[in-house]
Amino acid sequence: MRAYIPATWSDLAGDLLNPPAVYAVTPELAESFDEEEVAELYAYQRASEHSAALAATGRPRRVVLAAELGTVGAPLGEDPACYLPDGPISWAAVDSIHVDDIDRDLAGALASEDAMTELTSEPLAWYDVVERQALVRE
């Protein structure tokens, strides 16, 4: 199933991913929206918001990884897309990397719902997973 993984810039250098959560497009989530694409956008945006919280103390850029996961763990909280990961995630499962192309005011976005809405309306730049090492060196 398609999942979006909130990450940090430093996660790009790791061998395995151990995210605190994944935002998955489960059959139940897809059914709750008119189109699967809308469900994917919802999960992607929620992962983007979570990434902002993770990155607020490090390099101020959101990082979201798009992956195909076989399974996810237990639901995490009230968000219908949010799940615990079912163990560490290999880079082989990741299809693409989405990052802010400039540093952002993530702390400010976390302090205000309007600022978070404005932040998440800014698109993330898309990179193929094979470009990961180039991003790490950036």
C-alpha atoms as a PDB file:
ATOM      1  CA  MET A   1       0.000   0.000   0.000  1.00  0.00           C
ATOM      2  CA  ARG A   2       1.100   3.558  -0.633  1.00  0.00           C
ATOM      3  CA  ALA A   3       2.447   5.269   2.463  1.00  0.00           C
ATOM      4  CA  TYR A   4       4.019   8.623   3.181  1.00  0.00           C
ATOM      5  CA  ILE A   5       6.766   8.726   5.765  1.00  0.00           C
ATOM      6  CA  PRO A   6       7.550  11.931   7.678  1.00  0.00           C
ATOM      7  CA  ALA A   7      11.314  12.256   7.943  1.00  0.00           C
ATOM      8  CA  THR A   8      14.126  14.689   8.657  1.00  0.00           C
ATOM      9  CA  TRP A   9      17.113  15.736   6.591  1.00  0.00           C
ATOM     10  CA  SER A  10      19.398  13.557   8.742  1.00  0.00           C
ATOM     11  CA  ASP A  11      17.195  10.506   8.053  1.00  0.00           C
ATOM     12  CA  LEU A  12      18.342  10.663   4.432  1.00  0.00           C
ATOM     13  CA  ALA A  13      21.820   9.511   5.510  1.00  0.00           C
ATOM     14  CA  GLY A  14      20.641   6.459   7.470  1.00  0.00           C
ATOM     15  CA  ASP A  15      20.729   2.854   6.291  1.00  0.00           C
ATOM     16  CA  LEU A  16      17.236   2.057   7.587  1.00  0.00           C
ATOM     17  CA  LEU A  17      14.275   4.264   8.396  1.00  0.00           C
ATOM     18  CA  ASN A  18      12.718   4.146  11.856  1.00  0.00           C
ATOM     19  CA  PRO A  19       9.952   6.754  11.605  1.00  0.00           C
ATOM     20  CA  PRO A  20       7.648   7.524  14.525  1.00  0.00           C
ATOM     21  CA  ALA A  21       4.645   7.105  12.214  1.00  0.00           C
ATOM     22  CA  VAL A  22       3.597   6.443   8.639  1.00  0.00           C
ATOM     23  CA  TYR A  23       0.592   7.877   6.831  1.00  0.00           C
ATOM     24  CA  ALA A  24      -0.916   5.048   4.824  1.00  0.00           C
ATOM     25  CA  VAL A  25      -3.569   4.966   2.141  1.00  0.00           C
ATOM     26  CA  THR A  26      -5.378   1.950   3.536  1.00  0.00           C
ATOM     27  CA  PRO A  27      -8.501   0.581   1.825  1.00  0.00           C
ATOM     28  CA  GLU A  28     -10.536   2.136   4.659  1.00  0.00           C
ATOM     29  CA  LEU A  29      -9.008   5.569   4.083  1.00  0.00           C
ATOM     30  CA  ALA A  30      -9.478   5.307   0.316  1.00  0.00           C
ATOM     31  CA  GLU A  31     -13.160   4.431   0.820  1.00  0.00           C
ATOM     32  CA  SER A  32     -13.703   7.506   3.003  1.00  0.00           C
ATOM     33  CA  PHE A  33     -12.799   9.791   0.078  1.00  0.00           C
ATOM     34  CA  ASP A  34     -14.452   9.990  -3.336  1.00  0.00           C
ATOM     35  CA  GLU A  35     -11.194   9.240  -5.136  1.00  0.00           C
ATOM     36  CA  GLU A  36      -8.035   7.391  -4.123  1.00  0.00           C
ATOM     37  CA  GLU A  37      -5.960  10.359  -5.305  1.00  0.00           C
ATOM     38  CA  VAL A  38      -7.677  12.546  -2.710  1.00  0.00           C
ATOM     39  CA  ALA A  39      -6.875   9.968  -0.015  1.00  0.00           C
ATOM     40  CA  GLU A  40      -3.228   9.978  -1.156  1.00  0.00           C
ATOM     41  CA  LEU A  41      -3.121  13.774  -0.993  1.00  0.00           C
ATOM     42  CA  TYR A  42      -4.583  13.693   2.521  1.00  0.00           C
ATOM     43  CA  ALA A  43      -1.958  11.194   3.736  1.00  0.00           C
ATOM     44  CA  TYR A  44       0.830  13.137   2.004  1.00  0.00           C
ATOM     45  CA  GLN A  45      -0.220  16.436   3.609  1.00  0.00           C
ATOM     46  CA  ARG A  46      -0.481  14.865   7.054  1.00  0.00           C
ATOM     47  CA  ALA A  47       3.036  13.407   6.645  1.00  0.00           C
ATOM     48  CA  SER A  48       4.239  16.859   5.566  1.00  0.00           C
ATOM     49  CA  GLU A  49       2.817  18.427   8.733  1.00  0.00           C
ATOM     50  CA  HIS A  50       4.390  15.707  10.876  1.00  0.00           C
ATOM     51  CA  SER A  51       7.725  16.256   9.137  1.00  0.00           C
ATOM     52  CA  ALA A  52       7.550  19.959  10.017  1.00  0.00           C
ATOM     53  CA  ALA A  53       7.270  19.016  13.685  1.00  0.00           C
ATOM     54  CA  LEU A  54      10.186  16.570  13.423  1.00  0.00           C
ATOM     55  CA  ALA A  55      12.423  19.063  11.614  1.00  0.00           C
ATOM     56  CA  ALA A  56      11.683  22.084  13.808  1.00  0.00           C
ATOM     57  CA  THR A  57      14.839  21.451  15.843  1.00  0.00           C
ATOM     58  CA  GLY A  58      17.118  20.389  12.961  1.00  0.00           C
ATOM     59  CA  ARG A  59      17.569  21.563   9.387  1.00  0.00           C
ATOM     60  CA  PRO A  60      14.354  23.517   8.743  1.00  0.00           C
ATOM     61  CA  ARG A  61      13.073  21.579   5.747  1.00  0.00           C
ATOM     62  CA  ARG A  62      10.217  19.139   5.492  1.00  0.00           C
ATOM     63  CA  VAL A  63      11.079  15.688   4.162  1.00  0.00           C
ATOM     64  CA  VAL A  64       8.402  13.207   3.088  1.00  0.00           C
ATOM     65  CA  LEU A  65       9.223   9.805   1.648  1.00  0.00           C
ATOM     66  CA  ALA A  66       6.752   8.014  -0.632  1.00  0.00           C
ATOM     67  CA  ALA A  67       6.926   4.245  -0.237  1.00  0.00           C
ATOM     68  CA  GLU A  68       5.131   1.023  -1.008  1.00  0.00           C
ATOM     69  CA  LEU A  69       4.685  -0.917   2.225  1.00  0.00           C
ATOM     70  CA  GLY A  70       3.297  -4.422   2.552  1.00  0.00           C
ATOM     71  CA  THR A  71       1.814  -3.762   5.974  1.00  0.00           C
ATOM     72  CA  VAL A  72       1.551  -1.120   8.655  1.00  0.00           C
ATOM     73  CA  GLY A  73       1.321  -1.496  12.418  1.00  0.00           C
ATOM     74  CA  ALA A  74      -1.452  -0.394  14.749  1.00  0.00           C
ATOM     75  CA  PRO A  75      -3.406   2.828  14.233  1.00  0.00           C
ATOM     76  CA  LEU A  76      -1.807   5.782  16.001  1.00  0.00           C
ATOM     77  CA  GLY A  77      -4.226   8.320  17.440  1.00  0.00           C
ATOM     78  CA  GLU A  78      -7.385   9.641  15.829  1.00  0.00           C
ATOM     79  CA  ASP A  79      -5.989  10.409  12.368  1.00  0.00           C
ATOM     80  CA  PRO A  80      -7.402   7.784   9.966  1.00  0.00           C
ATOM     81  CA  ALA A  81      -4.158   7.721   7.945  1.00  0.00           C
ATOM     82  CA  CYS A  82      -1.673   7.552  10.842  1.00  0.00           C
ATOM     83  CA  TYR A  83      -0.150   4.208  11.808  1.00  0.00           C
ATOM     84  CA  LEU A  84       2.829   2.882  13.641  1.00  0.00           C
ATOM     85  CA  PRO A  85       5.356   1.471  11.211  1.00  0.00           C
ATOM     86  CA  ASP A  86       5.552  -2.314  11.103  1.00  0.00           C
ATOM     87  CA  GLY A  87       9.271  -2.280  11.949  1.00  0.00           C
ATOM     88  CA  PRO A  88      12.217  -0.528  10.279  1.00  0.00           C
ATOM     89  CA  ILE A  89      11.701   0.487   6.654  1.00  0.00           C
ATOM     90  CA  SER A  90      14.276  -0.286   3.984  1.00  0.00           C
ATOM     91  CA  TRP A  91      15.227   2.287   1.376  1.00  0.00           C
ATOM     92  CA  ALA A  92      14.252  -0.364  -1.199  1.00  0.00           C
ATOM     93  CA  ALA A  93      10.600   0.347  -0.311  1.00  0.00           C
ATOM     94  CA  VAL A  94      10.975   4.083  -1.002  1.00  0.00           C
ATOM     95  CA  ASP A  95       9.977   5.347  -4.453  1.00  0.00           C
ATOM     96  CA  SER A  96      10.589   9.069  -4.107  1.00  0.00           C
ATOM     97  CA  ILE A  97      11.784  11.799  -1.784  1.00  0.00           C
ATOM     98  CA  HIS A  98       9.913  15.084  -1.354  1.00  0.00           C
ATOM     99  CA  VAL A  99      11.723  18.003   0.316  1.00  0.00           C
ATOM    100  CA  ASP A 100      11.463  21.742   0.811  1.00  0.00           C
ATOM    101  CA  ASP A 101      13.808  23.402  -1.661  1.00  0.00           C
ATOM    102  CA  ILE A 102      14.587  26.209   0.808  1.00  0.00           C
ATOM    103  CA  ASP A 103      14.783  26.505   4.597  1.00  0.00           C
ATOM    104  CA  ARG A 104      11.376  27.263   6.144  1.00  0.00           C
ATOM    105  CA  ASP A 105      10.090  28.791   9.391  1.00  0.00           C
ATOM    106  CA  LEU A 106       8.895  25.462  10.754  1.00  0.00           C
ATOM    107  CA  ALA A 107       8.734  26.659  14.363  1.00  0.00           C
ATOM    108  CA  GLY A 108       6.441  29.496  13.272  1.00  0.00           C
ATOM    109  CA  ALA A 109       4.251  27.095  11.323  1.00  0.00           C
ATOM    110  CA  LEU A 110       3.886  24.855  14.362  1.00  0.00           C
ATOM    111  CA  ALA A 111       2.738  27.826  16.466  1.00  0.00           C
ATOM    112  CA  SER A 112      -0.143  28.825  14.198  1.00  0.00           C
ATOM    113  CA  GLU A 113      -2.754  26.837  12.304  1.00  0.00           C
ATOM    114  CA  ASP A 114      -2.859  29.521   9.598  1.00  0.00           C
ATOM    115  CA  ALA A 115       0.925  29.410   9.229  1.00  0.00           C
ATOM    116  CA  MET A 116       0.822  25.593   8.986  1.00  0.00           C
ATOM    117  CA  THR A 117      -1.849  25.803   6.298  1.00  0.00           C
ATOM    118  CA  GLU A 118       0.302  28.283   4.401  1.00  0.00           C
ATOM    119  CA  LEU A 119       3.374  26.065   4.803  1.00  0.00           C
ATOM    120  CA  THR A 120       1.653  22.909   3.598  1.00  0.00           C
ATOM    121  CA  SER A 121       0.293  24.757   0.571  1.00  0.00           C
ATOM    122  CA  GLU A 122       3.922  25.178  -0.552  1.00  0.00           C
ATOM    123  CA  PRO A 123       4.828  22.206  -2.748  1.00  0.00           C
ATOM    124  CA  LEU A 124       7.760  19.983  -1.927  1.00  0.00           C
ATOM    125  CA  ALA A 125      10.389  19.300  -4.583  1.00  0.00           C
ATOM    126  CA  TRP A 126      10.355  15.734  -5.958  1.00  0.00           C
ATOM    127  CA  TYR A 127      13.485  13.581  -6.161  1.00  0.00           C
ATOM    128  CA  ASP A 128      13.924  10.001  -7.265  1.00  0.00           C
ATOM    129  CA  VAL A 129      15.233   7.819  -4.453  1.00  0.00           C
ATOM    130  CA  VAL A 130      18.485   7.293  -6.406  1.00  0.00           C
ATOM    131  CA  GLU A 131      19.232  10.995  -5.765  1.00  0.00           C
ATOM    132  CA  ARG A 132      19.289  10.467  -1.985  1.00  0.00           C
ATOM    133  CA  GLN A 133      23.075  10.637  -1.589  1.00  0.00           C
ATOM    134  CA  ALA A 134      23.224  13.873  -3.592  1.00  0.00           C
ATOM    135  CA  LEU A 135      20.662  15.372  -1.206  1.00  0.00           C
ATOM    136  CA  VAL A 136      22.688  14.224   1.805  1.00  0.00           C
ATOM    137  CA  ARG A 137      25.743  16.053   0.458  1.00  0.00           C
ATOM    138  CA  GLU A 138      23.744  19.249  -0.172  1.00  0.00           C
END
